[in-house]
């Protein structure tokens, strides 16, 4: 597989379907927009809108990521070693075998999973074990998909349409491949991480927007 060492600003690897692209300086916004199968390795931080409308492939960030990571993402996977900004996973969606995944090693800013319609977001909260690893308004407008939080501190302001429960052993098995992949990319003990407490957030299936409709 060909490896490209890229230099540039916005839209690096936009729509790329094959090969591996390595970046050693901070890329501009919309890295990997519409990515369709290639792999991007970022050996530094990344800016806003990484993986915008991504369809397939992988983006691996050895550092932190800016706002709106995975905006409207519809396939593939994004792994972030450290923290992510606001509105990560906004408008994520899935269809049949296309199930997008975002793994955040540290914490995430406010509006995580805003209007999420599908896919899976995993926040490991490494280094933030004593506090909630997400900001305000987590899951606002969420109507599909799942959010896993490695924490004993549930966000205090979850919206009414989001249900939260402690993750059980079978739930943790669904995220094991992602935790193992994270540790393969960045180091760490997957088994130790999986022994922690997790919360699973999912949308309330009882029509979260029923107040918008006229009752007959």
N, C-alpha and C. Protein backbone atom coordinates (compact mmCIF):
# COMPACT_ATOMS: atom_id res chain seq x y z
N UNK A 1 0.84 -1.20 0.00
CA UNK A 1 0.00 0.00 0.00
C UNK A 1 0.88 1.25 0.00
N UNK A 2 0.56 2.18 -0.86
CA UNK A 2 1.35 3.39 -0.98
C UNK A 2 1.13 4.30 0.23
N UNK A 3 2.23 4.89 0.72
CA UNK A 3 2.16 5.87 1.79
C UNK A 3 2.56 7.23 1.25
N UNK A 4 1.74 8.22 1.52
CA UNK A 4 2.00 9.58 1.09
C UNK A 4 2.27 10.45 2.31
N UNK A 5 3.31 11.26 2.26
CA UNK A 5 3.61 12.20 3.33
C UNK A 5 3.12 13.57 2.86
N UNK A 6 2.01 14.00 3.43
CA UNK A 6 1.27 15.13 2.86
C UNK A 6 1.62 16.44 3.55
N UNK A 7 1.59 17.51 2.77
CA UNK A 7 1.64 18.87 3.27
C UNK A 7 0.46 19.61 2.67
N UNK A 8 -0.13 20.52 3.44
CA UNK A 8 -1.26 21.25 2.91
C UNK A 8 -2.04 21.95 3.98
N UNK A 9 -3.18 22.47 3.61
CA UNK A 9 -4.03 23.18 4.56
C UNK A 9 -5.36 22.46 4.69
N UNK A 10 -6.44 23.04 4.23
CA UNK A 10 -7.75 22.41 4.36
C UNK A 10 -7.95 21.29 3.34
N UNK A 11 -8.86 20.38 3.70
CA UNK A 11 -9.35 19.33 2.79
C UNK A 11 -8.28 18.33 2.37
N UNK A 12 -7.27 18.13 3.17
CA UNK A 12 -6.28 17.11 2.84
C UNK A 12 -6.98 15.75 2.78
N UNK A 13 -6.70 14.99 1.75
CA UNK A 13 -7.24 13.64 1.54
C UNK A 13 -8.75 13.62 1.35
N UNK A 14 -9.34 14.71 0.96
CA UNK A 14 -10.79 14.74 0.72
C UNK A 14 -11.17 13.70 -0.32
N UNK A 15 -12.07 12.79 0.05
CA UNK A 15 -12.56 11.78 -0.87
C UNK A 15 -11.59 10.65 -1.18
N UNK A 16 -10.46 10.58 -0.52
CA UNK A 16 -9.45 9.56 -0.83
C UNK A 16 -10.00 8.16 -0.54
N UNK A 17 -9.75 7.24 -1.46
CA UNK A 17 -10.32 5.89 -1.35
C UNK A 17 -9.29 4.82 -1.08
N UNK A 18 -8.00 5.14 -1.17
CA UNK A 18 -6.98 4.12 -0.96
C UNK A 18 -5.67 4.75 -0.52
N UNK A 19 -4.78 3.90 0.00
CA UNK A 19 -3.47 4.36 0.44
C UNK A 19 -3.48 4.83 1.88
N UNK A 20 -2.27 5.15 2.38
CA UNK A 20 -2.08 5.68 3.72
C UNK A 20 -1.42 7.04 3.62
N UNK A 21 -1.94 8.01 4.32
CA UNK A 21 -1.42 9.37 4.30
C UNK A 21 -0.93 9.72 5.69
N UNK A 22 0.32 10.15 5.81
CA UNK A 22 0.89 10.53 7.09
C UNK A 22 1.09 12.05 7.15
N UNK A 23 0.71 12.62 8.30
CA UNK A 23 0.88 14.05 8.52
C UNK A 23 1.67 14.26 9.80
N UNK A 24 2.70 15.11 9.71
CA UNK A 24 3.55 15.38 10.86
C UNK A 24 3.51 16.84 11.27
N UNK A 25 2.68 17.63 10.61
CA UNK A 25 2.39 19.00 11.02
C UNK A 25 0.89 19.18 11.03
N UNK A 26 0.39 20.12 11.84
CA UNK A 26 -1.05 20.26 12.07
C UNK A 26 -1.77 20.59 10.76
N UNK A 27 -2.72 19.74 10.35
CA UNK A 27 -3.47 20.02 9.12
C UNK A 27 -4.56 21.04 9.37
N UNK A 28 -5.09 21.61 8.28
CA UNK A 28 -6.19 22.55 8.39
C UNK A 28 -7.52 21.85 8.57
N UNK A 29 -8.59 22.64 8.52
CA UNK A 29 -9.93 22.10 8.73
C UNK A 29 -10.32 21.08 7.66
N UNK A 30 -11.29 20.24 8.02
CA UNK A 30 -11.90 19.27 7.11
C UNK A 30 -10.91 18.24 6.59
N UNK A 31 -9.98 17.86 7.42
CA UNK A 31 -9.08 16.75 7.08
C UNK A 31 -9.92 15.50 6.83
N UNK A 32 -9.68 14.84 5.71
CA UNK A 32 -10.40 13.60 5.42
C UNK A 32 -11.88 13.78 5.14
N UNK A 33 -12.28 14.98 4.72
CA UNK A 33 -13.69 15.17 4.35
C UNK A 33 -14.07 14.19 3.24
N UNK A 34 -15.21 13.55 3.38
CA UNK A 34 -15.71 12.57 2.41
C UNK A 34 -14.75 11.39 2.20
N UNK A 35 -13.89 11.13 3.17
CA UNK A 35 -12.95 10.02 3.05
C UNK A 35 -13.70 8.74 2.69
N UNK A 36 -13.13 7.95 1.76
CA UNK A 36 -13.88 6.81 1.23
C UNK A 36 -13.07 5.52 1.24
N UNK A 37 -12.18 5.37 2.24
CA UNK A 37 -11.47 4.10 2.36
C UNK A 37 -9.99 4.21 2.68
N UNK A 38 -9.39 5.37 2.47
CA UNK A 38 -7.98 5.55 2.79
C UNK A 38 -7.78 5.63 4.30
N UNK A 39 -6.52 5.54 4.71
CA UNK A 39 -6.17 5.70 6.13
C UNK A 39 -5.30 6.95 6.28
N UNK A 40 -5.62 7.76 7.30
CA UNK A 40 -4.85 8.97 7.60
C UNK A 40 -4.26 8.83 8.99
N UNK A 41 -2.94 9.00 9.09
CA UNK A 41 -2.25 9.00 10.38
C UNK A 41 -1.75 10.42 10.64
N UNK A 42 -2.22 11.00 11.75
CA UNK A 42 -1.85 12.37 12.10
C UNK A 42 -0.97 12.31 13.35
N UNK A 43 0.30 12.65 13.22
CA UNK A 43 1.23 12.55 14.34
C UNK A 43 1.40 13.89 15.05
N UNK A 44 0.26 14.53 15.30
CA UNK A 44 0.18 15.81 15.99
C UNK A 44 -1.30 16.08 16.20
N UNK A 45 -1.67 17.29 16.54
CA UNK A 45 -3.09 17.62 16.70
C UNK A 45 -3.76 17.85 15.35
N UNK A 46 -5.09 17.79 15.34
CA UNK A 46 -5.87 18.10 14.15
C UNK A 46 -6.86 19.21 14.48
N UNK A 47 -7.31 19.93 13.45
CA UNK A 47 -8.20 21.06 13.67
C UNK A 47 -9.67 20.65 13.51
N UNK A 48 -10.54 21.60 13.15
CA UNK A 48 -11.98 21.38 13.15
C UNK A 48 -12.43 20.55 11.94
N UNK A 49 -13.59 19.89 12.13
CA UNK A 49 -14.30 19.17 11.06
C UNK A 49 -13.49 18.02 10.47
N UNK A 50 -12.62 17.42 11.25
CA UNK A 50 -11.92 16.22 10.80
C UNK A 50 -12.94 15.13 10.51
N UNK A 51 -12.82 14.49 9.36
CA UNK A 51 -13.74 13.42 8.99
C UNK A 51 -15.14 13.88 8.62
N UNK A 52 -15.27 15.13 8.19
CA UNK A 52 -16.57 15.68 7.78
C UNK A 52 -17.20 14.80 6.70
N UNK A 53 -18.38 14.25 6.97
CA UNK A 53 -19.13 13.42 6.02
C UNK A 53 -18.30 12.24 5.52
N UNK A 54 -17.45 11.74 6.38
CA UNK A 54 -16.60 10.58 6.06
C UNK A 54 -17.47 9.36 5.77
N UNK A 55 -17.07 8.58 4.76
CA UNK A 55 -17.86 7.43 4.33
C UNK A 55 -17.22 6.10 4.68
N UNK A 56 -15.88 6.04 4.70
CA UNK A 56 -15.17 4.79 5.00
C UNK A 56 -13.71 5.13 5.25
N UNK A 57 -12.96 4.15 5.79
CA UNK A 57 -11.55 4.36 6.08
C UNK A 57 -11.30 4.66 7.54
N UNK A 58 -10.08 5.13 7.84
CA UNK A 58 -9.69 5.44 9.21
C UNK A 58 -8.93 6.75 9.28
N UNK A 59 -9.17 7.48 10.37
CA UNK A 59 -8.37 8.65 10.72
C UNK A 59 -7.87 8.43 12.14
N UNK A 60 -6.55 8.47 12.30
CA UNK A 60 -5.92 8.19 13.60
C UNK A 60 -5.12 9.41 13.99
N UNK A 61 -5.52 10.06 15.08
CA UNK A 61 -4.92 11.32 15.51
C UNK A 61 -4.12 11.09 16.78
N UNK A 62 -2.81 11.23 16.67
CA UNK A 62 -1.92 11.06 17.82
C UNK A 62 -1.80 12.40 18.55
N UNK A 63 -2.90 12.84 19.12
CA UNK A 63 -2.97 14.13 19.79
C UNK A 63 -4.41 14.47 20.06
N UNK A 64 -4.75 15.76 19.98
CA UNK A 64 -6.12 16.24 20.20
C UNK A 64 -6.77 16.62 18.88
N UNK A 65 -8.09 16.73 18.88
CA UNK A 65 -8.85 17.07 17.69
C UNK A 65 -9.77 18.24 18.00
N UNK A 66 -10.05 19.07 17.01
CA UNK A 66 -10.86 20.27 17.22
C UNK A 66 -12.35 20.00 17.25
N UNK A 67 -13.13 21.03 16.96
CA UNK A 67 -14.59 20.95 17.03
C UNK A 67 -15.16 20.18 15.83
N UNK A 68 -16.38 19.65 16.02
CA UNK A 68 -17.17 19.02 14.95
C UNK A 68 -16.45 17.86 14.29
N UNK A 69 -15.66 17.13 15.05
CA UNK A 69 -15.03 15.93 14.52
C UNK A 69 -16.12 14.93 14.13
N UNK A 70 -15.99 14.36 12.95
CA UNK A 70 -16.97 13.38 12.48
C UNK A 70 -18.32 13.97 12.13
N UNK A 71 -18.36 15.23 11.75
CA UNK A 71 -19.63 15.87 11.37
C UNK A 71 -20.31 15.08 10.25
N UNK A 72 -21.55 14.66 10.47
CA UNK A 72 -22.34 13.91 9.49
C UNK A 72 -21.63 12.66 9.01
N UNK A 73 -20.76 12.12 9.82
CA UNK A 73 -20.00 10.91 9.48
C UNK A 73 -20.97 9.75 9.23
N UNK A 74 -20.68 8.94 8.21
CA UNK A 74 -21.61 7.86 7.86
C UNK A 74 -20.92 6.52 7.69
N UNK A 75 -19.63 6.44 8.00
CA UNK A 75 -18.90 5.18 7.92
C UNK A 75 -17.46 5.38 8.33
N UNK A 76 -16.75 4.27 8.53
CA UNK A 76 -15.34 4.36 8.91
C UNK A 76 -15.16 4.60 10.40
N UNK A 77 -13.92 4.92 10.78
CA UNK A 77 -13.59 5.08 12.20
C UNK A 77 -12.59 6.20 12.39
N UNK A 78 -12.76 6.94 13.49
CA UNK A 78 -11.82 7.98 13.89
C UNK A 78 -11.34 7.65 15.30
N UNK A 79 -10.03 7.59 15.48
CA UNK A 79 -9.41 7.35 16.78
C UNK A 79 -8.62 8.59 17.19
N UNK A 80 -8.92 9.12 18.37
CA UNK A 80 -8.25 10.32 18.87
C UNK A 80 -7.56 9.95 20.18
N UNK A 81 -6.26 10.14 20.22
CA UNK A 81 -5.50 9.73 21.40
C UNK A 81 -5.92 10.51 22.65
N UNK A 82 -6.13 11.82 22.50
CA UNK A 82 -6.37 12.67 23.67
C UNK A 82 -7.78 13.26 23.61
N UNK A 83 -7.91 14.58 23.59
CA UNK A 83 -9.21 15.23 23.75
C UNK A 83 -9.81 15.65 22.40
N UNK A 84 -11.12 15.88 22.41
CA UNK A 84 -11.83 16.41 21.25
C UNK A 84 -12.64 17.63 21.68
N UNK A 85 -12.95 18.50 20.73
CA UNK A 85 -13.64 19.74 21.04
C UNK A 85 -15.15 19.59 21.08
N UNK A 86 -15.85 20.67 20.79
CA UNK A 86 -17.31 20.71 20.83
C UNK A 86 -17.92 19.99 19.63
N UNK A 87 -19.15 19.52 19.84
CA UNK A 87 -20.00 18.98 18.77
C UNK A 87 -19.36 17.81 18.03
N UNK A 88 -18.62 17.01 18.73
CA UNK A 88 -18.07 15.79 18.14
C UNK A 88 -19.22 14.83 17.82
N UNK A 89 -19.20 14.27 16.63
CA UNK A 89 -20.22 13.30 16.23
C UNK A 89 -21.57 13.90 15.89
N UNK A 90 -21.64 15.21 15.69
CA UNK A 90 -22.92 15.83 15.34
C UNK A 90 -23.45 15.24 14.03
N UNK A 91 -24.71 14.89 14.01
CA UNK A 91 -25.39 14.35 12.82
C UNK A 91 -24.78 13.04 12.31
N UNK A 92 -24.07 12.29 13.13
CA UNK A 92 -23.62 10.97 12.70
C UNK A 92 -24.82 10.12 12.32
N UNK A 93 -24.64 9.25 11.35
CA UNK A 93 -25.74 8.40 10.90
C UNK A 93 -25.19 7.04 10.47
N UNK A 94 -26.07 6.05 10.36
CA UNK A 94 -25.65 4.73 9.89
C UNK A 94 -26.71 4.16 8.97
N UNK A 95 -26.27 3.24 8.12
CA UNK A 95 -27.21 2.56 7.22
C UNK A 95 -26.68 1.18 6.92
N UNK A 96 -27.47 0.16 7.30
CA UNK A 96 -27.11 -1.24 7.09
C UNK A 96 -25.73 -1.52 7.67
N UNK A 97 -24.77 -1.93 6.85
CA UNK A 97 -23.45 -2.30 7.39
C UNK A 97 -22.57 -1.09 7.67
N UNK A 98 -22.99 0.09 7.28
CA UNK A 98 -22.21 1.30 7.52
C UNK A 98 -22.52 1.84 8.91
N UNK A 99 -21.60 1.60 9.85
CA UNK A 99 -21.78 2.04 11.23
C UNK A 99 -20.53 2.83 11.63
N UNK A 100 -20.55 4.14 11.57
CA UNK A 100 -19.37 4.95 11.90
C UNK A 100 -19.04 4.85 13.38
N UNK A 101 -17.75 5.04 13.69
CA UNK A 101 -17.26 4.91 15.06
C UNK A 101 -16.26 6.02 15.36
N UNK A 102 -16.40 6.63 16.53
CA UNK A 102 -15.43 7.61 17.01
C UNK A 102 -14.99 7.18 18.40
N UNK A 103 -13.67 7.12 18.61
CA UNK A 103 -13.10 6.79 19.91
C UNK A 103 -12.24 7.96 20.37
N UNK A 104 -12.54 8.48 21.55
CA UNK A 104 -11.83 9.63 22.12
C UNK A 104 -11.14 9.15 23.39
N UNK A 105 -9.82 9.29 23.44
CA UNK A 105 -9.09 8.78 24.59
C UNK A 105 -9.23 9.62 25.84
N UNK A 106 -9.34 10.94 25.67
CA UNK A 106 -9.44 11.84 26.82
C UNK A 106 -10.87 12.27 27.06
N UNK A 107 -11.10 13.58 27.05
CA UNK A 107 -12.44 14.10 27.28
C UNK A 107 -12.94 14.79 26.01
N UNK A 108 -14.22 15.15 26.03
CA UNK A 108 -14.84 15.80 24.88
C UNK A 108 -15.62 17.02 25.34
N UNK A 109 -15.71 18.02 24.50
CA UNK A 109 -16.42 19.24 24.85
C UNK A 109 -17.94 19.09 24.80
N UNK A 110 -18.63 20.19 24.91
CA UNK A 110 -20.09 20.19 24.96
C UNK A 110 -20.71 19.74 23.64
N UNK A 111 -21.98 19.31 23.73
CA UNK A 111 -22.79 18.89 22.59
C UNK A 111 -22.25 17.63 21.90
N UNK A 112 -21.61 16.76 22.65
CA UNK A 112 -21.19 15.48 22.08
C UNK A 112 -22.42 14.72 21.57
N UNK A 113 -22.33 14.20 20.35
CA UNK A 113 -23.44 13.42 19.79
C UNK A 113 -24.70 14.21 19.52
N UNK A 114 -24.56 15.51 19.27
CA UNK A 114 -25.72 16.34 19.00
C UNK A 114 -26.44 15.85 17.73
N UNK A 115 -27.73 15.62 17.83
CA UNK A 115 -28.54 15.11 16.71
C UNK A 115 -27.99 13.80 16.14
N UNK A 116 -27.34 13.03 16.96
CA UNK A 116 -26.80 11.74 16.49
C UNK A 116 -27.93 10.84 16.03
N UNK A 117 -27.77 10.28 14.82
CA UNK A 117 -28.81 9.41 14.25
C UNK A 117 -28.34 7.97 14.13
N UNK A 118 -27.08 7.70 14.40
CA UNK A 118 -26.56 6.35 14.30
C UNK A 118 -25.08 6.34 14.64
N UNK A 119 -24.49 5.16 14.58
CA UNK A 119 -23.07 5.03 14.88
C UNK A 119 -22.80 4.92 16.37
N UNK A 120 -21.53 4.85 16.68
CA UNK A 120 -21.09 4.63 18.06
C UNK A 120 -19.99 5.61 18.43
N UNK A 121 -20.13 6.26 19.57
CA UNK A 121 -19.10 7.16 20.10
C UNK A 121 -18.65 6.59 21.44
N UNK A 122 -17.35 6.48 21.60
CA UNK A 122 -16.77 5.96 22.84
C UNK A 122 -15.81 6.99 23.40
N UNK A 123 -16.07 7.44 24.64
CA UNK A 123 -15.19 8.38 25.33
C UNK A 123 -14.54 7.65 26.49
N UNK A 124 -13.22 7.45 26.41
CA UNK A 124 -12.51 6.67 27.42
C UNK A 124 -12.15 7.49 28.66
N UNK A 125 -12.07 8.79 28.53
CA UNK A 125 -11.84 9.64 29.70
C UNK A 125 -10.53 9.36 30.42
N UNK A 126 -9.51 8.95 29.70
CA UNK A 126 -8.23 8.64 30.33
C UNK A 126 -7.62 9.93 30.88
N UNK A 127 -7.31 9.93 32.16
CA UNK A 127 -6.81 11.12 32.83
C UNK A 127 -7.89 11.97 33.45
N UNK A 128 -9.15 11.61 33.25
CA UNK A 128 -10.28 12.37 33.80
C UNK A 128 -11.18 11.47 34.63
N UNK A 129 -10.58 10.50 35.30
CA UNK A 129 -11.36 9.51 36.03
C UNK A 129 -12.18 10.09 37.18
N UNK A 130 -11.78 11.22 37.71
CA UNK A 130 -12.48 11.80 38.87
C UNK A 130 -13.58 12.78 38.49
N UNK A 131 -13.76 13.02 37.20
CA UNK A 131 -14.79 13.96 36.74
C UNK A 131 -15.51 13.37 35.55
N UNK A 132 -16.62 13.97 35.19
CA UNK A 132 -17.32 13.56 33.97
C UNK A 132 -16.48 13.96 32.75
N UNK A 133 -16.24 13.05 31.81
CA UNK A 133 -15.33 13.35 30.69
C UNK A 133 -15.99 14.05 29.50
N UNK A 134 -17.22 14.55 29.66
CA UNK A 134 -17.87 15.27 28.57
C UNK A 134 -18.40 16.60 29.10
N UNK A 135 -18.60 17.55 28.20
CA UNK A 135 -19.11 18.85 28.58
C UNK A 135 -20.62 18.86 28.71
N UNK A 136 -21.19 20.04 28.57
CA UNK A 136 -22.64 20.21 28.72
C UNK A 136 -23.41 19.70 27.51
N UNK A 137 -24.69 19.38 27.73
CA UNK A 137 -25.66 19.09 26.67
C UNK A 137 -25.28 17.86 25.83
N UNK A 138 -24.71 16.88 26.47
CA UNK A 138 -24.36 15.64 25.77
C UNK A 138 -25.63 14.97 25.23
N UNK A 139 -25.61 14.60 23.94
CA UNK A 139 -26.74 13.90 23.35
C UNK A 139 -27.94 14.75 23.02
N UNK A 140 -27.79 16.07 22.97
CA UNK A 140 -28.93 16.94 22.64
C UNK A 140 -29.47 16.60 21.24
N UNK A 141 -30.74 16.29 21.15
CA UNK A 141 -31.35 15.93 19.87
C UNK A 141 -31.02 14.53 19.40
N UNK A 142 -30.36 13.74 20.20
CA UNK A 142 -29.97 12.39 19.80
C UNK A 142 -31.20 11.54 19.50
N UNK A 143 -31.21 10.85 18.35
CA UNK A 143 -32.34 9.99 18.02
C UNK A 143 -31.90 8.67 17.39
N UNK A 144 -30.64 8.32 17.54
CA UNK A 144 -30.13 7.04 17.07
C UNK A 144 -28.70 6.85 17.54
N UNK A 145 -28.21 5.62 17.42
CA UNK A 145 -26.83 5.34 17.79
C UNK A 145 -26.63 5.14 19.28
N UNK A 146 -25.35 5.06 19.68
CA UNK A 146 -24.99 4.83 21.07
C UNK A 146 -23.78 5.68 21.45
N UNK A 147 -23.74 6.07 22.71
CA UNK A 147 -22.58 6.75 23.28
C UNK A 147 -22.16 5.98 24.53
N UNK A 148 -20.90 5.58 24.58
CA UNK A 148 -20.33 4.93 25.75
C UNK A 148 -19.39 5.91 26.44
N UNK A 149 -19.57 6.07 27.75
CA UNK A 149 -18.70 6.93 28.54
C UNK A 149 -18.02 6.10 29.61
N UNK A 150 -16.70 6.09 29.62
CA UNK A 150 -15.96 5.40 30.69
C UNK A 150 -15.85 6.37 31.87
N UNK A 151 -16.75 6.23 32.81
CA UNK A 151 -16.81 7.14 33.94
C UNK A 151 -17.78 6.61 34.99
N UNK A 152 -17.61 7.08 36.19
CA UNK A 152 -18.59 6.83 37.25
C UNK A 152 -19.44 8.07 37.49
N UNK A 153 -19.24 9.11 36.66
CA UNK A 153 -19.89 10.40 36.86
C UNK A 153 -20.75 10.72 35.64
N UNK A 154 -22.03 10.42 35.75
CA UNK A 154 -22.95 10.68 34.65
C UNK A 154 -23.13 12.18 34.46
N UNK A 155 -23.20 12.67 33.21
CA UNK A 155 -23.47 14.10 32.99
C UNK A 155 -24.75 14.52 33.70
N UNK A 156 -24.75 15.65 34.41
CA UNK A 156 -25.93 16.04 35.20
C UNK A 156 -27.05 16.65 34.37
N UNK A 157 -26.77 17.02 33.11
CA UNK A 157 -27.76 17.75 32.33
C UNK A 157 -28.18 17.00 31.07
N UNK A 158 -28.25 15.68 31.13
CA UNK A 158 -28.68 14.93 29.96
C UNK A 158 -30.10 15.34 29.57
N UNK A 159 -30.37 15.49 28.27
CA UNK A 159 -31.72 15.86 27.85
C UNK A 159 -32.70 14.71 28.09
N UNK A 160 -33.97 15.05 28.11
CA UNK A 160 -35.00 14.08 28.47
C UNK A 160 -35.07 12.92 27.51
N UNK A 161 -34.69 13.13 26.24
CA UNK A 161 -34.84 12.05 25.26
C UNK A 161 -33.68 11.07 25.28
N UNK A 162 -32.72 11.26 26.16
CA UNK A 162 -31.56 10.36 26.25
C UNK A 162 -31.68 9.49 27.49
N UNK A 163 -31.59 8.18 27.29
CA UNK A 163 -31.61 7.24 28.39
C UNK A 163 -30.18 6.84 28.75
N UNK A 164 -29.91 6.68 30.03
CA UNK A 164 -28.57 6.31 30.49
C UNK A 164 -28.68 5.13 31.45
N UNK A 165 -27.78 4.18 31.28
CA UNK A 165 -27.71 3.06 32.22
C UNK A 165 -26.27 2.58 32.32
N UNK A 166 -25.97 1.90 33.41
CA UNK A 166 -24.65 1.32 33.58
C UNK A 166 -24.45 0.24 32.51
N UNK A 167 -23.30 0.26 31.86
CA UNK A 167 -23.00 -0.76 30.86
C UNK A 167 -22.75 -2.10 31.53
N UNK A 168 -23.34 -3.14 30.99
CA UNK A 168 -23.17 -4.49 31.49
C UNK A 168 -22.04 -5.19 30.73
N UNK A 169 -21.72 -6.41 31.16
CA UNK A 169 -20.60 -7.14 30.55
C UNK A 169 -20.79 -7.31 29.05
N UNK A 170 -22.04 -7.62 28.63
CA UNK A 170 -22.27 -7.82 27.20
C UNK A 170 -22.15 -6.51 26.43
N UNK A 171 -22.47 -5.41 27.07
CA UNK A 171 -22.28 -4.10 26.42
C UNK A 171 -20.80 -3.84 26.20
N UNK A 172 -20.00 -4.14 27.21
CA UNK A 172 -18.56 -3.90 27.11
C UNK A 172 -17.92 -4.74 26.01
N UNK A 173 -18.48 -5.93 25.77
CA UNK A 173 -17.93 -6.77 24.70
C UNK A 173 -18.13 -6.13 23.34
N UNK A 174 -19.18 -5.32 23.19
CA UNK A 174 -19.41 -4.67 21.90
C UNK A 174 -18.36 -3.59 21.62
N UNK A 175 -17.79 -3.02 22.68
CA UNK A 175 -16.77 -1.99 22.47
C UNK A 175 -15.35 -2.53 22.63
N UNK A 176 -15.20 -3.80 22.99
CA UNK A 176 -13.86 -4.37 23.15
C UNK A 176 -12.99 -4.17 21.91
N UNK A 177 -13.49 -4.46 20.70
CA UNK A 177 -12.62 -4.24 19.52
C UNK A 177 -12.13 -2.80 19.39
N UNK A 178 -12.96 -1.85 19.78
CA UNK A 178 -12.55 -0.45 19.68
C UNK A 178 -11.51 -0.10 20.73
N UNK A 179 -11.70 -0.60 21.95
CA UNK A 179 -10.71 -0.35 23.01
C UNK A 179 -9.38 -1.00 22.65
N UNK A 180 -9.43 -2.21 22.12
CA UNK A 180 -8.19 -2.89 21.72
C UNK A 180 -7.51 -2.16 20.57
N UNK A 181 -8.30 -1.66 19.63
CA UNK A 181 -7.72 -0.89 18.52
C UNK A 181 -7.09 0.40 19.02
N UNK A 182 -7.78 1.07 19.96
CA UNK A 182 -7.22 2.29 20.54
C UNK A 182 -5.86 2.00 21.18
N UNK A 183 -5.78 0.95 21.97
CA UNK A 183 -4.52 0.61 22.65
C UNK A 183 -3.44 0.19 21.65
N UNK A 184 -3.84 -0.45 20.56
CA UNK A 184 -2.87 -0.82 19.53
C UNK A 184 -2.28 0.43 18.88
N UNK A 185 -3.08 1.46 18.70
CA UNK A 185 -2.60 2.70 18.08
C UNK A 185 -1.76 3.54 19.04
N UNK A 186 -2.19 3.62 20.31
CA UNK A 186 -1.62 4.61 21.21
C UNK A 186 -0.98 4.03 22.47
N UNK A 187 -1.12 2.74 22.69
CA UNK A 187 -0.62 2.13 23.92
C UNK A 187 -1.71 2.05 24.97
N UNK A 188 -1.45 1.26 26.01
CA UNK A 188 -2.43 1.10 27.09
C UNK A 188 -2.86 -0.34 27.22
N UNK A 189 -3.59 -0.62 28.29
CA UNK A 189 -4.04 -1.95 28.63
C UNK A 189 -5.55 -2.03 28.40
N UNK A 190 -5.95 -2.71 27.34
CA UNK A 190 -7.37 -2.78 26.99
C UNK A 190 -8.19 -3.46 28.08
N UNK A 191 -7.67 -4.53 28.64
CA UNK A 191 -8.42 -5.24 29.68
C UNK A 191 -8.64 -4.36 30.91
N UNK A 192 -7.62 -3.59 31.29
CA UNK A 192 -7.77 -2.70 32.44
C UNK A 192 -8.82 -1.63 32.15
N UNK A 193 -8.82 -1.08 30.95
CA UNK A 193 -9.81 -0.07 30.59
C UNK A 193 -11.22 -0.64 30.62
N UNK A 194 -11.37 -1.88 30.17
CA UNK A 194 -12.69 -2.49 30.12
C UNK A 194 -13.22 -2.89 31.49
N UNK A 195 -12.35 -2.95 32.48
CA UNK A 195 -12.79 -3.26 33.84
C UNK A 195 -13.40 -2.06 34.55
N UNK A 196 -13.27 -0.89 33.95
CA UNK A 196 -13.82 0.33 34.55
C UNK A 196 -15.34 0.38 34.43
N UNK A 197 -15.94 1.34 35.12
CA UNK A 197 -17.38 1.61 34.96
C UNK A 197 -17.63 2.38 33.68
N UNK A 198 -18.68 2.02 32.99
CA UNK A 198 -19.12 2.73 31.79
C UNK A 198 -20.61 3.04 31.90
N UNK A 199 -21.01 4.14 31.31
CA UNK A 199 -22.41 4.41 31.08
C UNK A 199 -22.70 4.27 29.59
N UNK A 200 -23.85 3.73 29.28
CA UNK A 200 -24.33 3.63 27.90
C UNK A 200 -25.50 4.59 27.73
N UNK A 201 -25.35 5.52 26.79
CA UNK A 201 -26.40 6.47 26.47
C UNK A 201 -27.05 6.08 25.15
N UNK A 202 -28.36 6.11 25.12
CA UNK A 202 -29.10 5.80 23.90
C UNK A 202 -30.37 6.64 23.88
N UNK A 203 -30.95 6.84 22.69
CA UNK A 203 -32.14 7.69 22.62
C UNK A 203 -33.38 6.97 23.11
N UNK A 204 -34.27 7.72 23.68
CA UNK A 204 -35.58 7.19 24.07
C UNK A 204 -36.39 6.95 22.80
N UNK A 205 -36.83 5.72 22.62
CA UNK A 205 -37.53 5.37 21.39
C UNK A 205 -38.94 5.92 21.32
N UNK A 206 -39.41 6.51 22.41
CA UNK A 206 -40.78 7.03 22.44
C UNK A 206 -40.85 8.42 21.82
N UNK A 207 -40.46 8.52 20.56
CA UNK A 207 -40.58 9.76 19.78
C UNK A 207 -40.13 10.99 20.55
N UNK A 208 -38.83 11.28 20.55
CA UNK A 208 -38.35 12.43 21.32
C UNK A 208 -38.93 13.76 20.87
N UNK A 209 -39.51 13.80 19.67
CA UNK A 209 -40.05 15.06 19.16
C UNK A 209 -41.57 15.05 19.12
N UNK A 210 -42.19 14.19 19.96
CA UNK A 210 -43.65 14.07 19.91
C UNK A 210 -44.35 15.38 20.26
N UNK A 211 -43.66 16.26 21.01
CA UNK A 211 -44.30 17.53 21.37
C UNK A 211 -44.49 18.44 20.15
N UNK A 212 -43.84 18.08 19.03
CA UNK A 212 -43.97 18.90 17.83
C UNK A 212 -45.26 18.59 17.06
N UNK A 213 -45.86 17.42 17.33
CA UNK A 213 -46.97 16.96 16.52
C UNK A 213 -48.31 17.24 17.19
N UNK A 214 -49.31 17.42 16.38
CA UNK A 214 -50.65 17.67 16.89
C UNK A 214 -51.27 16.34 17.32
N UNK A 215 -51.80 16.29 18.51
CA UNK A 215 -52.46 15.08 19.00
C UNK A 215 -53.87 14.98 18.40
N UNK A 216 -54.20 13.80 17.93
CA UNK A 216 -55.55 13.59 17.38
C UNK A 216 -56.48 13.07 18.47
